[in-house]
């Protein structure tokens, strides 16, 4: 009986090792699928997806009409570049974007929201002055979520863009 048990265990081990991941590493460009190596590529041309995100490298090699440039994936500096118009005082009106967070301490546009309940403002972009919270739905696309409220804090699920005069970290929205 122990001999049969040993034979069964040997067969299971042999099957398990035969089902392992095998990768042909003869061509470095083909190693992106099934690779178990923890080492990242040392050159962006070796594996664009690992360096620049999933959208880069989606065109076939040699495709002259490809518009996939990868670009800069970092978030734009806030406030948005470029002034729109001047307000009645001559100050430039700027477009500023971020997550909206409103609570007892005021209303803010935040670069990020920390995932707590309620969320907390991470890296505040500007304090929002002159905007009633009931008006904010005019600035939010319903498909992007909307406003949520918990424990006296209201926040947007997506970035909102507000226009106003930005002075000393305060965005005056008229």
N, C-alpha and C. Protein backbone atom coordinates (compact mmCIF):
# COMPACT_ATOMS: atom_id res chain seq x y z
N UNK A 1 0.81 -1.20 0.00
CA UNK A 1 0.00 0.00 0.00
C UNK A 1 0.85 1.27 0.00
N UNK A 2 1.93 1.37 0.76
CA UNK A 2 2.75 2.57 0.73
C UNK A 2 3.36 2.81 -0.64
N UNK A 3 3.64 1.75 -1.40
CA UNK A 3 4.22 1.92 -2.72
C UNK A 3 3.22 2.58 -3.67
N UNK A 4 1.93 2.21 -3.56
CA UNK A 4 0.89 2.84 -4.39
C UNK A 4 0.74 4.32 -4.02
N UNK A 5 0.78 4.61 -2.75
CA UNK A 5 0.66 6.00 -2.29
C UNK A 5 1.83 6.84 -2.81
N UNK A 6 3.01 6.27 -2.78
CA UNK A 6 4.19 6.96 -3.29
C UNK A 6 4.06 7.21 -4.80
N UNK A 7 3.52 6.25 -5.52
CA UNK A 7 3.34 6.40 -6.97
C UNK A 7 2.32 7.49 -7.28
N UNK A 8 1.24 7.56 -6.49
CA UNK A 8 0.22 8.59 -6.69
C UNK A 8 0.81 9.97 -6.40
N UNK A 9 1.56 10.10 -5.32
CA UNK A 9 2.18 11.38 -5.00
C UNK A 9 3.16 11.81 -6.09
N UNK A 10 3.93 10.87 -6.61
CA UNK A 10 4.87 11.18 -7.69
C UNK A 10 4.11 11.68 -8.92
N UNK A 11 2.99 11.05 -9.24
CA UNK A 11 2.20 11.46 -10.40
C UNK A 11 1.64 12.87 -10.21
N UNK A 12 1.19 13.19 -9.00
CA UNK A 12 0.65 14.52 -8.72
C UNK A 12 1.74 15.58 -8.84
N UNK A 13 2.92 15.29 -8.31
CA UNK A 13 4.03 16.24 -8.40
C UNK A 13 4.44 16.43 -9.85
N UNK A 14 4.48 15.37 -10.63
CA UNK A 14 4.85 15.47 -12.04
C UNK A 14 3.83 16.30 -12.81
N UNK A 15 2.54 16.10 -12.54
CA UNK A 15 1.50 16.89 -13.20
C UNK A 15 1.58 18.36 -12.81
N UNK A 16 1.80 18.62 -11.55
CA UNK A 16 1.87 20.01 -11.08
C UNK A 16 3.05 20.74 -11.70
N UNK A 17 4.18 20.07 -11.82
CA UNK A 17 5.33 20.75 -12.41
C UNK A 17 5.17 20.92 -13.91
N UNK A 18 4.42 20.06 -14.56
CA UNK A 18 4.19 20.18 -16.00
C UNK A 18 3.24 21.32 -16.31
N UNK A 19 2.41 21.73 -15.36
CA UNK A 19 1.44 22.80 -15.58
C UNK A 19 2.01 24.17 -15.24
N UNK A 20 3.26 24.27 -14.93
CA UNK A 20 3.87 25.55 -14.56
C UNK A 20 3.95 26.51 -15.72
N UNK A 21 4.28 27.76 -15.43
CA UNK A 21 4.37 28.83 -16.42
C UNK A 21 5.69 28.72 -17.17
N UNK A 22 5.61 28.66 -18.48
CA UNK A 22 6.84 28.67 -19.26
C UNK A 22 6.79 29.84 -20.21
N UNK A 23 7.90 30.55 -20.30
CA UNK A 23 7.97 31.75 -21.12
C UNK A 23 9.19 31.64 -22.02
N UNK A 24 9.00 31.92 -23.29
CA UNK A 24 10.11 31.98 -24.23
C UNK A 24 10.77 33.34 -24.08
N UNK A 25 11.98 33.37 -23.54
CA UNK A 25 12.66 34.64 -23.31
C UNK A 25 13.66 34.95 -24.40
N UNK A 26 13.56 34.27 -25.55
CA UNK A 26 14.51 34.53 -26.62
C UNK A 26 14.29 35.89 -27.26
N UNK A 27 13.08 36.44 -27.15
CA UNK A 27 12.78 37.75 -27.72
C UNK A 27 12.26 38.63 -26.59
N UNK A 28 13.01 39.66 -26.21
CA UNK A 28 12.66 40.50 -25.06
C UNK A 28 11.32 41.18 -25.23
N UNK A 29 10.89 41.48 -26.45
CA UNK A 29 9.62 42.15 -26.67
C UNK A 29 8.45 41.25 -26.37
N UNK A 30 8.65 39.92 -26.36
CA UNK A 30 7.56 38.98 -26.12
C UNK A 30 7.45 38.59 -24.65
N UNK A 31 8.25 39.12 -23.77
CA UNK A 31 8.26 38.67 -22.38
C UNK A 31 7.23 39.37 -21.51
N UNK A 32 6.37 40.20 -22.06
CA UNK A 32 5.42 40.92 -21.23
C UNK A 32 4.26 40.05 -20.81
N UNK A 33 3.97 38.96 -21.52
CA UNK A 33 2.86 38.09 -21.17
C UNK A 33 3.40 36.87 -20.47
N UNK A 34 2.92 36.58 -19.29
CA UNK A 34 3.31 35.39 -18.57
C UNK A 34 4.61 35.52 -17.80
N UNK A 35 5.21 36.66 -17.79
CA UNK A 35 6.47 36.85 -17.10
C UNK A 35 6.27 36.81 -15.60
N UNK A 36 7.14 36.10 -14.93
CA UNK A 36 7.08 36.07 -13.47
C UNK A 36 8.27 36.78 -12.87
N UNK A 37 9.12 37.36 -13.70
CA UNK A 37 10.31 38.05 -13.22
C UNK A 37 9.93 39.36 -12.54
N UNK A 38 10.43 39.62 -11.33
CA UNK A 38 10.08 40.87 -10.64
C UNK A 38 10.86 42.06 -11.14
N UNK A 39 11.85 41.86 -12.02
CA UNK A 39 12.68 42.97 -12.47
C UNK A 39 11.98 43.76 -13.56
N UNK A 40 11.87 45.08 -13.42
CA UNK A 40 11.26 45.91 -14.46
C UNK A 40 12.23 46.06 -15.62
N UNK A 41 11.70 46.39 -16.80
CA UNK A 41 12.59 46.60 -17.93
C UNK A 41 13.49 47.80 -17.68
N UNK A 42 14.69 47.75 -18.23
CA UNK A 42 15.63 48.84 -18.02
C UNK A 42 15.52 49.90 -19.09
N UNK A 43 14.85 49.62 -20.18
CA UNK A 43 14.72 50.56 -21.28
C UNK A 43 13.25 50.64 -21.65
N UNK A 44 12.72 51.84 -21.84
CA UNK A 44 11.30 52.01 -22.15
C UNK A 44 10.92 51.27 -23.42
N UNK A 45 11.83 51.12 -24.37
CA UNK A 45 11.49 50.42 -25.60
C UNK A 45 11.35 48.92 -25.37
N UNK A 46 11.89 48.39 -24.26
CA UNK A 46 11.76 46.97 -23.97
C UNK A 46 10.33 46.62 -23.62
N UNK A 47 9.61 47.51 -22.92
CA UNK A 47 8.26 47.21 -22.48
C UNK A 47 7.57 48.52 -22.15
N UNK A 48 6.98 49.17 -23.14
CA UNK A 48 6.35 50.47 -22.92
C UNK A 48 5.20 50.39 -21.93
N UNK A 49 4.44 49.30 -21.91
CA UNK A 49 3.29 49.21 -21.02
C UNK A 49 3.72 49.23 -19.56
N UNK A 50 4.87 48.65 -19.24
CA UNK A 50 5.32 48.62 -17.86
C UNK A 50 5.81 49.98 -17.40
N UNK A 51 6.19 50.83 -18.32
CA UNK A 51 6.74 52.13 -17.97
C UNK A 51 5.69 53.22 -18.05
N UNK A 52 4.86 53.20 -19.07
CA UNK A 52 3.98 54.33 -19.35
C UNK A 52 2.51 54.05 -19.14
N UNK A 53 2.11 52.90 -18.70
CA UNK A 53 0.70 52.61 -18.50
C UNK A 53 0.15 51.77 -19.62
N UNK A 54 -1.08 51.29 -19.47
CA UNK A 54 -1.63 50.33 -20.41
C UNK A 54 -1.95 50.90 -21.78
N UNK A 55 -2.13 52.20 -21.94
CA UNK A 55 -2.51 52.74 -23.24
C UNK A 55 -1.33 52.87 -24.19
N UNK A 56 -0.14 53.03 -23.66
CA UNK A 56 1.03 53.18 -24.51
C UNK A 56 1.39 51.84 -25.12
N UNK A 57 1.82 51.86 -26.36
CA UNK A 57 2.23 50.64 -27.02
C UNK A 57 1.08 49.84 -27.58
N UNK A 58 -0.08 50.46 -27.79
CA UNK A 58 -1.23 49.74 -28.31
C UNK A 58 -1.24 49.67 -29.82
N UNK A 59 -0.38 50.42 -30.49
CA UNK A 59 -0.30 50.38 -31.95
C UNK A 59 0.69 49.30 -32.37
N UNK A 60 0.47 48.77 -33.56
CA UNK A 60 1.38 47.78 -34.09
C UNK A 60 2.68 48.44 -34.52
N UNK A 61 3.76 47.71 -34.41
CA UNK A 61 5.06 48.24 -34.82
C UNK A 61 5.04 48.58 -36.30
N UNK A 62 5.55 49.74 -36.66
CA UNK A 62 5.61 50.16 -38.05
C UNK A 62 4.36 50.86 -38.55
N UNK A 63 3.35 51.04 -37.70
CA UNK A 63 2.11 51.72 -38.09
C UNK A 63 2.37 53.22 -38.13
N UNK A 64 2.50 53.77 -39.34
CA UNK A 64 2.83 55.18 -39.49
C UNK A 64 1.68 56.10 -39.11
N UNK A 65 0.43 55.60 -39.13
CA UNK A 65 -0.73 56.41 -38.80
C UNK A 65 -1.06 56.39 -37.31
N UNK A 66 -0.26 55.70 -36.53
CA UNK A 66 -0.53 55.56 -35.10
C UNK A 66 -0.38 56.90 -34.40
N UNK A 67 -1.35 57.24 -33.58
CA UNK A 67 -1.33 58.49 -32.82
C UNK A 67 -1.04 58.22 -31.34
N UNK A 68 -0.61 57.01 -31.02
CA UNK A 68 -0.35 56.63 -29.64
C UNK A 68 1.03 57.10 -29.22
N UNK A 69 1.07 58.26 -28.59
CA UNK A 69 2.36 58.81 -28.18
C UNK A 69 2.64 58.60 -26.71
N UNK A 70 1.68 58.12 -25.96
CA UNK A 70 1.88 57.90 -24.54
C UNK A 70 1.72 59.16 -23.73
N UNK A 71 2.47 60.18 -24.06
CA UNK A 71 2.33 61.47 -23.40
C UNK A 71 2.73 61.43 -21.94
N UNK A 72 2.49 62.52 -21.27
CA UNK A 72 2.80 62.67 -19.86
C UNK A 72 1.59 62.23 -19.06
N UNK A 73 1.72 61.19 -18.24
CA UNK A 73 0.58 60.67 -17.52
C UNK A 73 0.38 61.35 -16.16
N UNK A 74 1.23 62.28 -15.82
CA UNK A 74 1.08 62.95 -14.54
C UNK A 74 -0.08 63.94 -14.60
N UNK A 75 -0.70 64.18 -13.47
CA UNK A 75 -1.82 65.11 -13.39
C UNK A 75 -1.33 66.53 -13.65
N UNK A 76 -2.16 67.34 -14.30
CA UNK A 76 -1.73 68.72 -14.55
C UNK A 76 -1.64 69.48 -13.24
N UNK A 77 -0.75 70.45 -13.21
CA UNK A 77 -0.64 71.30 -12.04
C UNK A 77 -1.92 72.09 -11.88
N UNK A 78 -2.37 72.23 -10.68
CA UNK A 78 -3.60 72.96 -10.42
C UNK A 78 -3.23 74.32 -9.88
N UNK A 79 -3.84 75.41 -10.23
CA UNK A 79 -4.96 75.57 -11.15
C UNK A 79 -4.56 75.31 -12.60
N UNK A 80 -5.58 75.17 -13.42
CA UNK A 80 -5.35 74.89 -14.83
C UNK A 80 -4.61 76.04 -15.49
N UNK A 81 -3.73 75.72 -16.42
CA UNK A 81 -3.01 76.80 -17.09
C UNK A 81 -3.92 77.62 -17.98
N UNK A 82 -3.60 78.89 -18.12
CA UNK A 82 -4.37 79.77 -19.01
C UNK A 82 -5.48 80.48 -18.29
N UNK A 83 -5.50 81.76 -18.44
CA UNK A 83 -6.58 82.56 -17.87
C UNK A 83 -7.69 82.65 -18.89
N UNK A 84 -8.93 82.80 -18.42
CA UNK A 84 -10.05 82.93 -19.34
C UNK A 84 -10.27 84.40 -19.65
N UNK A 85 -10.93 85.11 -18.82
CA UNK A 85 -11.21 86.54 -18.99
C UNK A 85 -10.84 87.26 -17.72
N UNK A 86 -11.04 88.54 -17.71
CA UNK A 86 -10.86 89.33 -16.50
C UNK A 86 -12.22 89.58 -15.88
N UNK A 87 -12.27 89.63 -14.53
CA UNK A 87 -13.53 89.99 -13.90
C UNK A 87 -13.67 91.51 -13.91
N UNK A 88 -14.70 92.01 -13.27
CA UNK A 88 -14.97 93.46 -13.31
C UNK A 88 -13.87 94.29 -12.65
N UNK A 89 -13.03 93.68 -11.80
CA UNK A 89 -11.94 94.43 -11.17
C UNK A 89 -10.66 94.38 -11.98
N UNK A 90 -10.65 93.63 -13.06
CA UNK A 90 -9.46 93.50 -13.88
C UNK A 90 -8.60 92.30 -13.51
N UNK A 91 -8.96 91.57 -12.44
CA UNK A 91 -8.20 90.39 -12.05
C UNK A 91 -8.52 89.23 -13.00
N UNK A 92 -7.53 88.40 -13.31
CA UNK A 92 -7.79 87.30 -14.24
C UNK A 92 -8.69 86.23 -13.61
N UNK A 93 -9.64 85.76 -14.39
CA UNK A 93 -10.50 84.66 -13.97
C UNK A 93 -9.80 83.37 -14.39
N UNK A 94 -9.64 82.46 -13.45
CA UNK A 94 -8.94 81.22 -13.71
C UNK A 94 -9.87 80.03 -13.55
N UNK A 95 -9.57 78.98 -14.29
CA UNK A 95 -10.27 77.70 -14.13
C UNK A 95 -9.45 76.87 -13.15
N UNK A 96 -10.08 76.45 -12.07
CA UNK A 96 -9.40 75.65 -11.05
C UNK A 96 -10.20 74.38 -10.88
N UNK A 97 -9.51 73.24 -10.83
CA UNK A 97 -10.24 71.99 -10.68
C UNK A 97 -9.72 71.19 -9.51
N UNK A 98 -10.58 70.32 -9.02
CA UNK A 98 -10.23 69.44 -7.92
C UNK A 98 -11.50 68.78 -7.40
N UNK A 99 -11.34 67.91 -6.42
CA UNK A 99 -12.50 67.34 -5.74
C UNK A 99 -13.05 68.41 -4.81
N UNK A 100 -14.36 68.57 -4.79
CA UNK A 100 -14.98 69.54 -3.90
C UNK A 100 -15.23 68.87 -2.56
N UNK A 101 -14.87 69.54 -1.49
CA UNK A 101 -15.12 69.05 -0.14
C UNK A 101 -15.63 70.22 0.68
N UNK A 102 -16.80 70.06 1.30
CA UNK A 102 -17.40 71.13 2.09
C UNK A 102 -17.77 70.60 3.47
N UNK A 103 -17.38 71.36 4.48
CA UNK A 103 -17.68 70.97 5.85
C UNK A 103 -17.67 72.18 6.75
N UNK A 104 -17.63 71.96 8.06
CA UNK A 104 -17.66 73.07 9.01
C UNK A 104 -16.47 74.02 8.87
N UNK A 105 -15.35 73.54 8.34
CA UNK A 105 -14.16 74.39 8.19
C UNK A 105 -14.16 75.19 6.90
N UNK A 106 -15.15 74.97 6.03
CA UNK A 106 -15.22 75.70 4.77
C UNK A 106 -15.36 74.77 3.58
N UNK A 107 -15.30 75.37 2.40
CA UNK A 107 -15.41 74.63 1.15
C UNK A 107 -14.06 74.70 0.44
N UNK A 108 -13.58 73.54 -0.03
CA UNK A 108 -12.26 73.46 -0.63
C UNK A 108 -12.29 72.65 -1.92
N UNK A 109 -11.37 72.97 -2.82
CA UNK A 109 -11.05 72.09 -3.93
C UNK A 109 -9.77 71.36 -3.53
N UNK A 110 -9.78 70.04 -3.66
CA UNK A 110 -8.67 69.22 -3.20
C UNK A 110 -8.08 68.44 -4.37
N UNK A 111 -6.77 68.30 -4.38
CA UNK A 111 -6.12 67.53 -5.43
C UNK A 111 -6.49 66.05 -5.31
N UNK A 112 -6.58 65.54 -4.09
CA UNK A 112 -6.98 64.16 -3.84
C UNK A 112 -7.90 64.14 -2.62
N UNK A 113 -8.69 63.08 -2.52
CA UNK A 113 -9.49 62.84 -1.32
C UNK A 113 -8.96 61.58 -0.66
N UNK A 114 -8.67 61.65 0.63
CA UNK A 114 -8.25 60.46 1.35
C UNK A 114 -9.46 59.58 1.57
N UNK A 115 -9.29 58.27 1.37
CA UNK A 115 -10.40 57.33 1.42
C UNK A 115 -10.76 56.97 2.85
N UNK A 116 -11.40 57.88 3.51
CA UNK A 116 -11.96 57.63 4.83
C UNK A 116 -13.43 58.01 4.72
N UNK A 117 -14.19 57.79 5.75
CA UNK A 117 -15.60 58.18 5.71
C UNK A 117 -15.88 59.08 6.89
N UNK A 118 -16.13 60.34 6.67
CA UNK A 118 -16.09 61.03 5.37
C UNK A 118 -14.65 61.23 4.93
N UNK A 119 -14.46 61.47 3.63
CA UNK A 119 -13.09 61.67 3.15
C UNK A 119 -12.49 62.96 3.69
N UNK A 120 -11.18 63.03 3.63
CA UNK A 120 -10.45 64.23 4.04
C UNK A 120 -9.74 64.80 2.82
N UNK A 121 -9.56 66.11 2.84
CA UNK A 121 -8.92 66.81 1.73
C UNK A 121 -7.43 66.56 1.76
N UNK A 122 -6.92 66.02 0.67
CA UNK A 122 -5.49 65.83 0.53
C UNK A 122 -4.93 66.86 -0.43
N UNK A 123 -3.95 67.58 0.00
CA UNK A 123 -3.32 68.60 -0.82
C UNK A 123 -4.34 69.62 -1.32
N UNK A 124 -4.89 70.45 -0.42
CA UNK A 124 -5.89 71.43 -0.85
C UNK A 124 -5.34 72.36 -1.91
N UNK A 125 -6.14 72.58 -2.95
CA UNK A 125 -5.75 73.45 -4.04
C UNK A 125 -6.17 74.88 -3.73
N UNK A 126 -7.42 75.04 -3.27
CA UNK A 126 -7.92 76.38 -2.98
C UNK A 126 -9.13 76.28 -2.07
N UNK A 127 -9.30 77.29 -1.24
CA UNK A 127 -10.54 77.44 -0.49
C UNK A 127 -11.52 78.14 -1.42
N UNK A 128 -12.75 77.64 -1.48
CA UNK A 128 -13.76 78.20 -2.37
C UNK A 128 -14.60 79.19 -1.59
N UNK A 129 -14.70 80.42 -2.11
CA UNK A 129 -15.45 81.50 -1.46
C UNK A 129 -16.51 81.98 -2.44
N UNK A 130 -17.71 82.26 -1.94
CA UNK A 130 -18.76 82.85 -2.77
C UNK A 130 -19.59 81.85 -3.53
N UNK A 131 -19.56 80.59 -3.15
CA UNK A 131 -20.35 79.57 -3.84
C UNK A 131 -21.21 78.86 -2.82
N UNK A 132 -22.51 78.84 -3.07
CA UNK A 132 -23.44 78.11 -2.22
C UNK A 132 -23.40 76.64 -2.64
N UNK A 133 -23.36 75.75 -1.68
CA UNK A 133 -23.29 74.32 -1.97
C UNK A 133 -24.46 73.85 -2.83
N UNK A 134 -25.61 74.51 -2.71
CA UNK A 134 -26.77 74.11 -3.53
C UNK A 134 -26.55 74.42 -5.01
N UNK A 135 -25.60 75.30 -5.34
CA UNK A 135 -25.31 75.64 -6.73
C UNK A 135 -24.31 74.69 -7.38
N UNK A 136 -23.67 73.85 -6.62
CA UNK A 136 -22.57 73.04 -7.15
C UNK A 136 -23.04 72.02 -8.18
N UNK A 137 -24.29 71.59 -8.12
CA UNK A 137 -24.77 70.62 -9.11
C UNK A 137 -24.70 71.17 -10.53
N UNK A 138 -24.64 72.50 -10.68
CA UNK A 138 -24.49 73.09 -12.01
C UNK A 138 -23.11 72.80 -12.58
N UNK A 139 -22.15 72.43 -11.73
CA UNK A 139 -20.77 72.22 -12.17
C UNK A 139 -20.39 70.75 -12.24
N UNK A 140 -21.30 69.85 -11.90
CA UNK A 140 -20.98 68.42 -11.85
C UNK A 140 -21.79 67.69 -12.91
N UNK A 141 -21.11 66.88 -13.69
CA UNK A 141 -21.77 66.03 -14.67
C UNK A 141 -22.39 64.85 -13.91
N UNK A 142 -23.72 64.63 -14.03
CA UNK A 142 -24.37 63.55 -13.28
C UNK A 142 -23.77 62.17 -13.59
N UNK A 143 -23.21 62.00 -14.78
CA UNK A 143 -22.60 60.71 -15.12
C UNK A 143 -21.30 60.48 -14.35
N UNK A 144 -20.70 61.54 -13.82
CA UNK A 144 -19.46 61.42 -13.05
C UNK A 144 -19.73 61.21 -11.57
N UNK A 145 -20.95 60.97 -11.21
CA UNK A 145 -21.29 60.77 -9.81
C UNK A 145 -22.17 61.90 -9.33
N UNK A 146 -21.70 62.65 -8.44
CA UNK A 146 -22.47 63.75 -7.87
C UNK A 146 -21.88 64.08 -6.52
N UNK A 147 -22.75 64.54 -5.65
CA UNK A 147 -22.31 64.89 -4.30
C UNK A 147 -22.74 63.80 -3.32
N UNK A 148 -21.88 63.51 -2.39
CA UNK A 148 -22.19 62.58 -1.31
C UNK A 148 -22.04 63.34 0.00
N UNK A 149 -22.79 62.93 1.01
CA UNK A 149 -22.72 63.58 2.32
C UNK A 149 -22.68 62.51 3.40
N UNK A 150 -21.78 62.69 4.36
CA UNK A 150 -21.70 61.82 5.53
C UNK A 150 -21.11 62.63 6.68
N UNK A 151 -21.71 62.52 7.83
CA UNK A 151 -21.22 63.14 9.06
C UNK A 151 -20.95 64.63 8.89
N UNK A 152 -21.84 65.32 8.16
CA UNK A 152 -21.73 66.77 8.00
C UNK A 152 -20.71 67.22 6.96
N UNK A 153 -20.12 66.29 6.23
CA UNK A 153 -19.15 66.61 5.17
C UNK A 153 -19.77 66.24 3.83
N UNK A 154 -19.69 67.14 2.86
CA UNK A 154 -20.19 66.89 1.51
C UNK A 154 -19.00 66.93 0.56
N UNK A 155 -18.95 65.98 -0.40
CA UNK A 155 -17.84 65.93 -1.34
C UNK A 155 -18.32 65.44 -2.69
N UNK A 156 -17.52 65.75 -3.71
CA UNK A 156 -17.82 65.29 -5.07
C UNK A 156 -17.07 63.99 -5.33
N UNK A 157 -17.68 63.13 -6.15
CA UNK A 157 -17.04 61.87 -6.50
C UNK A 157 -16.02 62.03 -7.62
N UNK A 158 -16.04 63.17 -8.29
CA UNK A 158 -15.11 63.41 -9.39
C UNK A 158 -14.64 64.86 -9.33
N UNK A 159 -13.66 65.18 -10.16
CA UNK A 159 -13.17 66.55 -10.24
C UNK A 159 -14.28 67.48 -10.72
N UNK A 160 -14.30 68.68 -10.19
CA UNK A 160 -15.16 69.75 -10.69
C UNK A 160 -14.25 70.89 -11.11
N UNK A 161 -14.69 71.67 -12.07
CA UNK A 161 -13.94 72.83 -12.53
C UNK A 161 -14.73 74.07 -12.16
N UNK A 162 -14.13 74.96 -11.40
CA UNK A 162 -14.76 76.20 -11.00
C UNK A 162 -13.96 77.36 -11.58
N UNK A 163 -14.66 78.44 -11.90
CA UNK A 163 -14.03 79.63 -12.46
C UNK A 163 -14.14 80.76 -11.45
N UNK A 164 -13.05 81.45 -11.24
CA UNK A 164 -13.06 82.57 -10.32
C UNK A 164 -11.70 83.22 -10.24
N UNK A 165 -11.60 84.15 -9.33
CA UNK A 165 -10.34 84.87 -9.12
C UNK A 165 -9.62 84.19 -7.97
N UNK A 166 -8.39 83.74 -8.22
CA UNK A 166 -7.59 83.03 -7.24
C UNK A 166 -6.58 83.99 -6.62
N UNK A 167 -6.76 84.27 -5.32
CA UNK A 167 -5.86 85.17 -4.60
C UNK A 167 -5.55 84.54 -3.24
N UNK A 168 -4.27 84.38 -2.96
CA UNK A 168 -3.81 83.87 -1.67
C UNK A 168 -4.48 82.55 -1.29
N UNK A 169 -4.60 81.63 -2.23
CA UNK A 169 -5.17 80.32 -1.95
C UNK A 169 -6.68 80.29 -1.84
N UNK A 170 -7.35 81.40 -2.11
CA UNK A 170 -8.81 81.45 -2.07
C UNK A 170 -9.34 81.72 -3.46
N UNK A 171 -10.28 80.87 -3.89
CA UNK A 171 -10.92 81.04 -5.19
C UNK A 171 -12.26 81.72 -4.96
N UNK A 172 -12.37 82.97 -5.40
CA UNK A 172 -13.62 83.72 -5.26
C UNK A 172 -14.46 83.46 -6.50
N UNK A 173 -15.54 82.69 -6.32
CA UNK A 173 -16.43 82.32 -7.41
C UNK A 173 -17.61 83.28 -7.38
N UNK A 174 -17.83 83.99 -8.48
CA UNK A 174 -18.97 84.93 -8.54
C UNK A 174 -20.10 84.33 -9.31
